[in-house]
Amino acid sequence: MPARTRSKSPTAKMREYRARLRNEGLKPVQIWVPDFRAPGFKRALRRQIDRLDPAREAEALAFIAAAADDTAR
């Protein structure tokens, strides 16, 4: 009967996984996003939306749409 081998700890598995990804040329990135459940989030969002200039937003949206169409080639 083969000898039992100890399984690796979750920490060791994660360390090896991250090393493999780095060897593939990737790097970890941490992204922070707003917490929509936080008190005052909806109020702050509404205030920011109300301050938007519709003409400038139309220009930005047109640019985004053109960029999206350009990638379809």
C-alpha atoms as a PDB file:
ATOM      1  CA  MET A   1       0.000   0.000   0.000  1.00  0.00           C
ATOM      2  CA  PRO A   2       1.427   3.455  -0.909  1.00  0.00           C
ATOM      3  CA  ALA A   3       2.414   5.763   1.894  1.00  0.00           C
ATOM      4  CA  ARG A   4      -0.042   8.518   2.727  1.00  0.00           C
ATOM      5  CA  THR A   5       1.041  11.941   1.614  1.00  0.00           C
ATOM      6  CA  ARG A   6       0.057  15.041   3.470  1.00  0.00           C
ATOM      7  CA  SER A   7      -2.208  17.286   1.470  1.00  0.00           C
ATOM      8  CA  LYS A   8      -1.055  20.835   1.041  1.00  0.00           C
ATOM      9  CA  SER A   9      -2.534  23.569   3.179  1.00  0.00           C
ATOM     10  CA  PRO A  10      -4.860  26.078   1.529  1.00  0.00           C
ATOM     11  CA  THR A  11      -2.150  28.712   2.002  1.00  0.00           C
ATOM     12  CA  ALA A  12       0.410  26.590   0.159  1.00  0.00           C
ATOM     13  CA  LYS A  13      -2.052  25.825  -2.656  1.00  0.00           C
ATOM     14  CA  MET A  14      -2.822  29.535  -3.085  1.00  0.00           C
ATOM     15  CA  ARG A  15       0.877  30.443  -3.041  1.00  0.00           C
ATOM     16  CA  GLU A  16       1.562  27.912  -5.812  1.00  0.00           C
ATOM     17  CA  TYR A  17      -1.474  29.058  -7.798  1.00  0.00           C
ATOM     18  CA  ARG A  18      -0.332  32.682  -7.649  1.00  0.00           C
ATOM     19  CA  ALA A  19       3.213  31.663  -8.617  1.00  0.00           C
ATOM     20  CA  ARG A  20       1.846  29.842 -11.686  1.00  0.00           C
ATOM     21  CA  LEU A  21      -0.139  32.914 -12.719  1.00  0.00           C
ATOM     22  CA  ARG A  22       2.904  35.175 -12.268  1.00  0.00           C
ATOM     23  CA  ASN A  23       4.957  32.765 -14.381  1.00  0.00           C
ATOM     24  CA  GLU A  24       2.319  33.216 -17.098  1.00  0.00           C
ATOM     25  CA  GLY A  25       2.966  36.960 -17.026  1.00  0.00           C
ATOM     26  CA  LEU A  26      -0.046  37.945 -14.933  1.00  0.00           C
ATOM     27  CA  LYS A  27      -0.090  40.061 -11.809  1.00  0.00           C
ATOM     28  CA  PRO A  28      -2.699  40.435  -9.090  1.00  0.00           C
ATOM     29  CA  VAL A  29      -4.778  43.604  -8.986  1.00  0.00           C
ATOM     30  CA  GLN A  30      -7.090  44.644  -6.183  1.00  0.00           C
ATOM     31  CA  ILE A  31     -10.175  46.603  -7.205  1.00  0.00           C
ATOM     32  CA  TRP A  32     -12.237  48.609  -4.756  1.00  0.00           C
ATOM     33  CA  VAL A  33     -15.820  49.399  -5.707  1.00  0.00           C
ATOM     34  CA  PRO A  34     -18.486  51.477  -3.978  1.00  0.00           C
ATOM     35  CA  ASP A  35     -20.604  49.607  -1.432  1.00  0.00           C
ATOM     36  CA  PHE A  36     -24.159  50.175  -2.621  1.00  0.00           C
ATOM     37  CA  ARG A  37     -25.422  48.995   0.788  1.00  0.00           C
ATOM     38  CA  ALA A  38     -23.584  51.751   2.664  1.00  0.00           C
ATOM     39  CA  PRO A  39     -25.687  54.431   4.331  1.00  0.00           C
ATOM     40  CA  GLY A  40     -25.905  57.504   2.127  1.00  0.00           C
ATOM     41  CA  PHE A  41     -24.867  55.685  -1.059  1.00  0.00           C
ATOM     42  CA  LYS A  42     -28.139  56.308  -2.890  1.00  0.00           C
ATOM     43  CA  ARG A  43     -28.164  59.952  -1.844  1.00  0.00           C
ATOM     44  CA  ALA A  44     -24.587  60.481  -3.047  1.00  0.00           C
ATOM     45  CA  LEU A  45     -25.317  58.664  -6.313  1.00  0.00           C
ATOM     46  CA  ARG A  46     -28.412  60.789  -6.946  1.00  0.00           C
ATOM     47  CA  ARG A  47     -26.409  63.977  -6.228  1.00  0.00           C
ATOM     48  CA  GLN A  48     -23.712  62.931  -8.717  1.00  0.00           C
ATOM     49  CA  ILE A  49     -26.277  62.020 -11.380  1.00  0.00           C
ATOM     50  CA  ASP A  50     -28.039  65.346 -10.954  1.00  0.00           C
ATOM     51  CA  ARG A  51     -24.728  67.171 -11.537  1.00  0.00           C
ATOM     52  CA  LEU A  52     -24.078  65.475 -14.899  1.00  0.00           C
ATOM     53  CA  ASP A  53     -24.183  67.623 -18.031  1.00  0.00           C
ATOM     54  CA  PRO A  54     -26.406  65.785 -20.568  1.00  0.00           C
ATOM     55  CA  ALA A  55     -24.487  67.234 -23.549  1.00  0.00           C
ATOM     56  CA  ARG A  56     -21.116  66.046 -22.227  1.00  0.00           C
ATOM     57  CA  GLU A  57     -22.536  62.661 -21.316  1.00  0.00           C
ATOM     58  CA  ALA A  58     -23.965  62.252 -24.834  1.00  0.00           C
ATOM     59  CA  GLU A  59     -20.493  62.980 -26.221  1.00  0.00           C
ATOM     60  CA  ALA A  60     -18.919  60.426 -23.892  1.00  0.00           C
ATOM     61  CA  LEU A  61     -21.533  57.791 -24.704  1.00  0.00           C
ATOM     62  CA  ALA A  62     -21.055  58.372 -28.444  1.00  0.00           C
ATOM     63  CA  PHE A  63     -17.306  57.874 -28.005  1.00  0.00           C
ATOM     64  CA  ILE A  64     -17.862  54.634 -26.075  1.00  0.00           C
ATOM     65  CA  ALA A  65     -20.299  53.372 -28.714  1.00  0.00           C
ATOM     66  CA  ALA A  66     -17.835  54.183 -31.505  1.00  0.00           C
ATOM     67  CA  ALA A  67     -15.039  52.411 -29.642  1.00  0.00           C
ATOM     68  CA  ALA A  68     -17.255  49.362 -29.121  1.00  0.00           C
ATOM     69  CA  ASP A  69     -18.170  49.284 -32.817  1.00  0.00           C
ATOM     70  CA  ASP A  70     -14.492  49.581 -33.745  1.00  0.00           C
ATOM     71  CA  THR A  71     -13.573  46.406 -31.844  1.00  0.00           C
ATOM     72  CA  ALA A  72     -16.083  44.327 -33.812  1.00  0.00           C
ATOM     73  CA  ARG A  73     -13.809  44.291 -36.871  1.00  0.00           C
END
